[in-house]
Amino acid sequence: MKNKDLILYIHGWNSYKDARKAVLLKNEINSNKNFEVDSITLKSHPKEAIQQLSNYIEDHKGQRKVHLIGAR
C-alpha cells in the first residue's frame, strides 16, 4: 500500500499546531484514503520557522509527496 500524500498545514503568526483551522482541516481530510494532514507548532522567529519547515519537509519527502497549505 502506498503512503498517503502529506498536507502540511502552516499556521499563522503566533498560533500553534492545534489551532482551530488546523483541527478542522485534519478532521475533514484525514479520513481520505489519499491524504493525511499534519501541522507543527513553528518557532516565532521567521528564520527559525523556515529552517524548521525545511527540516520537516526533508524528513518526509522521501516517503511521500508533501503539499503545503497556509493560513492567513
PDB file of N, CA and C in Angstrom:
ATOM      1  N   MET A   1       0.838  -1.186   0.000  1.00  0.00           N
ATOM      2  CA  MET A   1       0.000   0.000   0.000  1.00  0.00           C
ATOM      3  C   MET A   1       0.883   1.249   0.000  1.00  0.00           C
ATOM      4  N   LYS A   2       0.570   2.195  -0.853  1.00  0.00           N
ATOM      5  CA  LYS A   2       1.379   3.416  -0.934  1.00  0.00           C
ATOM      6  C   LYS A   2       1.053   4.351   0.221  1.00  0.00           C
ATOM      7  N   ASN A   3       2.053   5.130   0.608  1.00  0.00           N
ATOM      8  CA  ASN A   3       1.847   6.121   1.662  1.00  0.00           C
ATOM      9  C   ASN A   3       0.918   7.221   1.172  1.00  0.00           C
ATOM     10  N   LYS A   4       0.118   7.738   2.077  1.00  0.00           N
ATOM     11  CA  LYS A   4      -0.731   8.873   1.753  1.00  0.00           C
ATOM     12  C   LYS A   4       0.144  10.099   1.510  1.00  0.00           C
ATOM     13  N   ASP A   5      -0.291  10.960   0.597  1.00  0.00           N
ATOM     14  CA  ASP A   5       0.364  12.256   0.447  1.00  0.00           C
ATOM     15  C   ASP A   5       0.169  13.034   1.744  1.00  0.00           C
ATOM     16  N   LEU A   6       1.138  13.848   2.088  1.00  0.00           N
ATOM     17  CA  LEU A   6       1.069  14.637   3.309  1.00  0.00           C
ATOM     18  C   LEU A   6       0.732  16.083   2.980  1.00  0.00           C
ATOM     19  N   ILE A   7      -0.283  16.605   3.630  1.00  0.00           N
ATOM     20  CA  ILE A   7      -0.614  18.024   3.554  1.00  0.00           C
ATOM     21  C   ILE A   7      -0.145  18.642   4.859  1.00  0.00           C
ATOM     22  N   LEU A   8       0.797  19.550   4.774  1.00  0.00           N
ATOM     23  CA  LEU A   8       1.312  20.226   5.960  1.00  0.00           C
ATOM     24  C   LEU A   8       0.630  21.580   6.075  1.00  0.00           C
ATOM     25  N   TYR A   9      -0.141  21.739   7.141  1.00  0.00           N
ATOM     26  CA  TYR A   9      -0.825  22.998   7.406  1.00  0.00           C
ATOM     27  C   TYR A   9       0.139  23.933   8.130  1.00  0.00           C
ATOM     28  N   ILE A  10       0.362  25.111   7.565  1.00  0.00           N
ATOM     29  CA  ILE A  10       1.266  26.098   8.158  1.00  0.00           C
ATOM     30  C   ILE A  10       0.408  27.187   8.795  1.00  0.00           C
ATOM     31  N   HIS A  11       0.439  27.236  10.115  1.00  0.00           N
ATOM     32  CA  HIS A  11      -0.403  28.188  10.842  1.00  0.00           C
ATOM     33  C   HIS A  11       0.121  29.614  10.728  1.00  0.00           C
ATOM     34  N   GLY A  12      -0.732  30.555  11.089  1.00  0.00           N
ATOM     35  CA  GLY A  12      -0.362  31.968  11.051  1.00  0.00           C
ATOM     36  C   GLY A  12       0.533  32.367  12.217  1.00  0.00           C
ATOM     37  N   TRP A  13       0.958  33.609  12.190  1.00  0.00           N
ATOM     38  CA  TRP A  13       1.851  34.163  13.205  1.00  0.00           C
ATOM     39  C   TRP A  13       1.245  34.011  14.599  1.00  0.00           C
ATOM     40  N   ASN A  14       2.053  33.577  15.535  1.00  0.00           N
ATOM     41  CA  ASN A  14       1.686  33.467  16.947  1.00  0.00           C
ATOM     42  C   ASN A  14       0.541  32.478  17.180  1.00  0.00           C
ATOM     43  N   SER A  15       0.432  31.467  16.337  1.00  0.00           N
ATOM     44  CA  SER A  15      -0.565  30.420  16.507  1.00  0.00           C
ATOM     45  C   SER A  15       0.163  29.125  16.844  1.00  0.00           C
ATOM     46  N   TYR A  16      -0.509  27.993  16.750  1.00  0.00           N
ATOM     47  CA  TYR A  16       0.105  26.719  17.107  1.00  0.00           C
ATOM     48  C   TYR A  16      -0.535  25.582  16.318  1.00  0.00           C
ATOM     49  N   LYS A  17       0.046  24.390  16.436  1.00  0.00           N
ATOM     50  CA  LYS A  17      -0.339  23.264  15.578  1.00  0.00           C
ATOM     51  C   LYS A  17      -1.778  22.804  15.741  1.00  0.00           C
ATOM     52  N   ASP A  18      -2.369  23.011  16.900  1.00  0.00           N
ATOM     53  CA  ASP A  18      -3.746  22.567  17.122  1.00  0.00           C
ATOM     54  C   ASP A  18      -4.748  23.717  17.088  1.00  0.00           C
ATOM     55  N   ALA A  19      -4.428  24.749  16.325  1.00  0.00           N
ATOM     56  CA  ALA A  19      -5.346  25.875  16.160  1.00  0.00           C
ATOM     57  C   ALA A  19      -6.620  25.394  15.453  1.00  0.00           C
ATOM     58  N   ARG A  20      -7.662  26.167  15.565  1.00  0.00           N
ATOM     59  CA  ARG A  20      -8.980  25.777  15.052  1.00  0.00           C
ATOM     60  C   ARG A  20      -8.942  25.358  13.579  1.00  0.00           C
ATOM     61  N   LYS A  21      -8.307  26.158  12.721  1.00  0.00           N
ATOM     62  CA  LYS A  21      -8.268  25.836  11.286  1.00  0.00           C
ATOM     63  C   LYS A  21      -7.525  24.527  11.027  1.00  0.00           C
ATOM     64  N   ALA A  22      -6.458  24.288  11.762  1.00  0.00           N
ATOM     65  CA  ALA A  22      -5.700  23.044  11.588  1.00  0.00           C
ATOM     66  C   ALA A  22      -6.550  21.840  11.971  1.00  0.00           C
ATOM     67  N   VAL A  23      -7.252  21.947  13.083  1.00  0.00           N
ATOM     68  CA  VAL A  23      -8.097  20.842  13.547  1.00  0.00           C
ATOM     69  C   VAL A  23      -9.238  20.592  12.565  1.00  0.00           C
ATOM     70  N   LEU A  24      -9.863  21.654  12.072  1.00  0.00           N
ATOM     71  CA  LEU A  24     -10.938  21.496  11.083  1.00  0.00           C
ATOM     72  C   LEU A  24     -10.429  20.797   9.824  1.00  0.00           C
ATOM     73  N   LEU A  25      -9.270  21.210   9.340  1.00  0.00           N
ATOM     74  CA  LEU A  25      -8.696  20.593   8.144  1.00  0.00           C
ATOM     75  C   LEU A  25      -8.371  19.124   8.390  1.00  0.00           C
ATOM     76  N   LYS A  26      -7.756  18.823   9.528  1.00  0.00           N
ATOM     77  CA  LYS A  26      -7.433  17.430   9.865  1.00  0.00           C
ATOM     78  C   LYS A  26      -8.691  16.579   9.916  1.00  0.00           C
ATOM     79  N   ASN A  27      -9.728  17.070  10.573  1.00  0.00           N
ATOM     80  CA  ASN A  27     -10.976  16.311  10.691  1.00  0.00           C
ATOM     81  C   ASN A  27     -11.617  16.061   9.332  1.00  0.00           C
ATOM     82  N   GLU A  28     -11.495  17.016   8.444  1.00  0.00           N
ATOM     83  CA  GLU A  28     -12.103  16.889   7.115  1.00  0.00           C
ATOM     84  C   GLU A  28     -11.312  15.965   6.197  1.00  0.00           C
ATOM     85  N   ILE A  29      -9.999  15.998   6.247  1.00  0.00           N
ATOM     86  CA  ILE A  29      -9.153  15.311   5.273  1.00  0.00           C
ATOM     87  C   ILE A  29      -8.638  13.951   5.737  1.00  0.00           C
ATOM     88  N   ASN A  30      -8.390  13.764   7.010  1.00  0.00           N
ATOM     89  CA  ASN A  30      -7.700  12.552   7.449  1.00  0.00           C
ATOM     90  C   ASN A  30      -8.448  11.246   7.174  1.00  0.00           C
ATOM     91  N   SER A  31      -9.736  11.309   6.909  1.00  0.00           N
ATOM     92  CA  SER A  31     -10.452  10.089   6.534  1.00  0.00           C
ATOM     93  C   SER A  31     -10.280   9.767   5.043  1.00  0.00           C
ATOM     94  N   ASN A  32      -9.667  10.668   4.305  1.00  0.00           N
ATOM     95  CA  ASN A  32      -9.417  10.474   2.880  1.00  0.00           C
ATOM     96  C   ASN A  32      -8.314   9.438   2.694  1.00  0.00           C
ATOM     97  N   LYS A  33      -8.501   8.529   1.768  1.00  0.00           N
ATOM     98  CA  LYS A  33      -7.525   7.452   1.571  1.00  0.00           C
ATOM     99  C   LYS A  33      -6.236   7.912   0.898  1.00  0.00           C
ATOM    100  N   ASN A  34      -6.232   9.124   0.320  1.00  0.00           N
ATOM    101  CA  ASN A  34      -5.060   9.601  -0.411  1.00  0.00           C
ATOM    102  C   ASN A  34      -4.230  10.650   0.316  1.00  0.00           C
ATOM    103  N   PHE A  35      -4.796  11.252   1.367  1.00  0.00           N
ATOM    104  CA  PHE A  35      -4.121  12.363   2.031  1.00  0.00           C
ATOM    105  C   PHE A  35      -4.157  12.229   3.547  1.00  0.00           C
ATOM    106  N   GLU A  36      -3.134  12.798   4.166  1.00  0.00           N
ATOM    107  CA  GLU A  36      -3.063  12.930   5.617  1.00  0.00           C
ATOM    108  C   GLU A  36      -2.644  14.367   5.910  1.00  0.00           C
ATOM    109  N   VAL A  37      -3.221  14.964   6.941  1.00  0.00           N
ATOM    110  CA  VAL A  37      -2.892  16.339   7.313  1.00  0.00           C
ATOM    111  C   VAL A  37      -2.075  16.330   8.593  1.00  0.00           C
ATOM    112  N   ASP A  38      -1.051  17.165   8.619  1.00  0.00           N
ATOM    113  CA  ASP A  38      -0.270  17.361   9.837  1.00  0.00           C
ATOM    114  C   ASP A  38      -0.009  18.849   9.987  1.00  0.00           C
ATOM    115  N   SER A  39       0.294  19.250  11.199  1.00  0.00           N
ATOM    116  CA  SER A  39       0.646  20.631  11.498  1.00  0.00           C
ATOM    117  C   SER A  39       1.659  20.614  12.627  1.00  0.00           C
ATOM    118  N   ILE A  40       2.614  21.512  12.565  1.00  0.00           N
ATOM    119  CA  ILE A  40       3.611  21.609  13.628  1.00  0.00           C
ATOM    120  C   ILE A  40       3.595  23.038  14.171  1.00  0.00           C
ATOM    121  N   THR A  41       3.893  23.167  15.455  1.00  0.00           N
ATOM    122  CA  THR A  41       3.998  24.497  16.041  1.00  0.00           C
ATOM    123  C   THR A  41       5.345  25.082  15.636  1.00  0.00           C
ATOM    124  N   LEU A  42       5.285  26.199  14.947  1.00  0.00           N
ATOM    125  CA  LEU A  42       6.502  26.818  14.428  1.00  0.00           C
ATOM    126  C   LEU A  42       7.119  27.777  15.441  1.00  0.00           C
ATOM    127  N   LYS A  43       8.420  27.915  15.335  1.00  0.00           N
ATOM    128  CA  LYS A  43       9.142  28.895  16.152  1.00  0.00           C
ATOM    129  C   LYS A  43       8.633  30.296  15.796  1.00  0.00           C
ATOM    130  N   SER A  44       8.742  31.223  16.714  1.00  0.00           N
ATOM    131  CA  SER A  44       8.224  32.570  16.458  1.00  0.00           C
ATOM    132  C   SER A  44       9.168  33.420  15.601  1.00  0.00           C
ATOM    133  N   HIS A  45      10.443  33.095  15.570  1.00  0.00           N
ATOM    134  CA  HIS A  45      11.387  33.846  14.741  1.00  0.00           C
ATOM    135  C   HIS A  45      11.330  33.295  13.312  1.00  0.00           C
ATOM    136  N   PRO A  46      11.115  34.149  12.306  1.00  0.00           N
ATOM    137  CA  PRO A  46      10.942  33.682  10.930  1.00  0.00           C
ATOM    138  C   PRO A  46      12.052  32.771  10.409  1.00  0.00           C
ATOM    139  N   LYS A  47      13.314  33.115  10.645  1.00  0.00           N
ATOM    140  CA  LYS A  47      14.407  32.274  10.138  1.00  0.00           C
ATOM    141  C   LYS A  47      14.371  30.891  10.769  1.00  0.00           C
ATOM    142  N   GLU A  48      14.050  30.827  12.054  1.00  0.00           N
ATOM    143  CA  GLU A  48      13.954  29.531  12.737  1.00  0.00           C
ATOM    144  C   GLU A  48      12.764  28.732  12.216  1.00  0.00           C
ATOM    145  N   ALA A  49      11.656  29.414  11.950  1.00  0.00           N
ATOM    146  CA  ALA A  49      10.468  28.735  11.424  1.00  0.00           C
ATOM    147  C   ALA A  49      10.731  28.168  10.031  1.00  0.00           C
ATOM    148  N   ILE A  50      11.432  28.928   9.197  1.00  0.00           N
ATOM    149  CA  ILE A  50      11.768  28.452   7.851  1.00  0.00           C
ATOM    150  C   ILE A  50      12.660  27.220   7.934  1.00  0.00           C
ATOM    151  N   GLN A  51      13.640  27.248   8.808  1.00  0.00           N
ATOM    152  CA  GLN A  51      14.527  26.093   8.976  1.00  0.00           C
ATOM    153  C   GLN A  51      13.752  24.881   9.491  1.00  0.00           C
ATOM    154  N   GLN A  52      12.856  25.123  10.419  1.00  0.00           N
ATOM    155  CA  GLN A  52      12.026  24.052  10.972  1.00  0.00           C
ATOM    156  C   GLN A  52      11.164  23.420   9.873  1.00  0.00           C
ATOM    157  N   LEU A  53      10.538  24.245   9.047  1.00  0.00           N
ATOM    158  CA  LEU A  53       9.733  23.729   7.936  1.00  0.00           C
ATOM    159  C   LEU A  53      10.594  22.964   6.938  1.00  0.00           C
ATOM    160  N   SER A  54      11.744  23.504   6.617  1.00  0.00           N
ATOM    161  CA  SER A  54      12.653  22.829   5.678  1.00  0.00           C
ATOM    162  C   SER A  54      13.053  21.456   6.196  1.00  0.00           C
ATOM    163  N   ASN A  55      13.394  21.376   7.463  1.00  0.00           N
ATOM    164  CA  ASN A  55      13.769  20.091   8.067  1.00  0.00           C
ATOM    165  C   ASN A  55      12.614  19.105   8.038  1.00  0.00           C
ATOM    166  N   TYR A  56      11.422  19.573   8.363  1.00  0.00           N
ATOM    167  CA  TYR A  56      10.244  18.705   8.372  1.00  0.00           C
ATOM    168  C   TYR A  56       9.980  18.146   6.971  1.00  0.00           C
ATOM    169  N   ILE A  57      10.029  19.017   5.976  1.00  0.00           N
ATOM    170  CA  ILE A  57       9.790  18.586   4.599  1.00  0.00           C
ATOM    171  C   ILE A  57      10.857  17.590   4.156  1.00  0.00           C
ATOM    172  N   GLU A  58      12.109  17.868   4.445  1.00  0.00           N
ATOM    173  CA  GLU A  58      13.198  16.947   4.099  1.00  0.00           C
ATOM    174  C   GLU A  58      12.989  15.574   4.732  1.00  0.00           C
ATOM    175  N   ASP A  59      12.529  15.554   5.972  1.00  0.00           N
ATOM    176  CA  ASP A  59      12.308  14.294   6.680  1.00  0.00           C
ATOM    177  C   ASP A  59      11.191  13.461   6.065  1.00  0.00           C
ATOM    178  N   HIS A  60      10.239  14.097   5.385  1.00  0.00           N
ATOM    179  CA  HIS A  60       9.070  13.382   4.875  1.00  0.00           C
ATOM    180  C   HIS A  60       9.025  13.199   3.366  1.00  0.00           C
ATOM    181  N   LYS A  61       9.748  14.015   2.605  1.00  0.00           N
ATOM    182  CA  LYS A  61       9.573  13.985   1.148  1.00  0.00           C
ATOM    183  C   LYS A  61      10.096  12.718   0.482  1.00  0.00           C
ATOM    184  N   GLY A  62      10.967  11.979   1.122  1.00  0.00           N
ATOM    185  CA  GLY A  62      11.445  10.737   0.542  1.00  0.00           C
ATOM    186  C   GLY A  62      10.432   9.609   0.639  1.00  0.00           C
ATOM    187  N   GLN A  63       9.478   9.755   1.543  1.00  0.00           N
ATOM    188  CA  GLN A  63       8.481   8.714   1.781  1.00  0.00           C
ATOM    189  C   GLN A  63       7.177   8.963   1.031  1.00  0.00           C
ATOM    190  N   ARG A  64       6.892  10.239   0.727  1.00  0.00           N
ATOM    191  CA  ARG A  64       5.623  10.596   0.084  1.00  0.00           C
ATOM    192  C   ARG A  64       5.675  12.040  -0.398  1.00  0.00           C
ATOM    193  N   LYS A  65       4.686  12.411  -1.184  1.00  0.00           N
ATOM    194  CA  LYS A  65       4.591  13.797  -1.634  1.00  0.00           C
ATOM    195  C   LYS A  65       4.167  14.676  -0.458  1.00  0.00           C
ATOM    196  N   VAL A  66       4.737  15.869  -0.413  1.00  0.00           N
ATOM    197  CA  VAL A  66       4.400  16.826   0.639  1.00  0.00           C
ATOM    198  C   VAL A  66       3.788  18.066  -0.007  1.00  0.00           C
ATOM    199  N   HIS A  67       2.610  18.446   0.460  1.00  0.00           N
ATOM    200  CA  HIS A  67       1.900  19.631  -0.021  1.00  0.00           C
ATOM    201  C   HIS A  67       1.794  20.613   1.138  1.00  0.00           C
ATOM    202  N   LEU A  68       1.841  21.895   0.842  1.00  0.00           N
ATOM    203  CA  LEU A  68       1.754  22.921   1.879  1.00  0.00           C
ATOM    204  C   LEU A  68       0.476  23.731   1.721  1.00  0.00           C
ATOM    205  N   ILE A  69      -0.168  23.985   2.858  1.00  0.00           N
ATOM    206  CA  ILE A  69      -1.330  24.872   2.909  1.00  0.00           C
ATOM    207  C   ILE A  69      -1.059  25.856   4.029  1.00  0.00           C
ATOM    208  N   GLY A  70      -1.286  27.133   3.773  1.00  0.00           N
ATOM    209  CA  GLY A  70      -1.024  28.143   4.792  1.00  0.00           C
ATOM    210  C   GLY A  70      -2.283  28.857   5.237  1.00  0.00           C
ATOM    211  N   ALA A  71      -2.218  29.403   6.433  1.00  0.00           N
ATOM    212  CA  ALA A  71      -3.305  30.221   6.968  1.00  0.00           C
ATOM    213  C   ALA A  71      -3.001  31.680   6.676  1.00  0.00           C
ATOM    214  N   ARG A  72      -4.005  32.482   6.775  1.00  0.00           N
ATOM    215  CA  ARG A  72      -3.765  33.915   6.635  1.00  0.00           C
ATOM    216  C   ARG A  72      -4.475  34.653   7.723  1.00  0.00           C
TER     217      ARG A  72
END
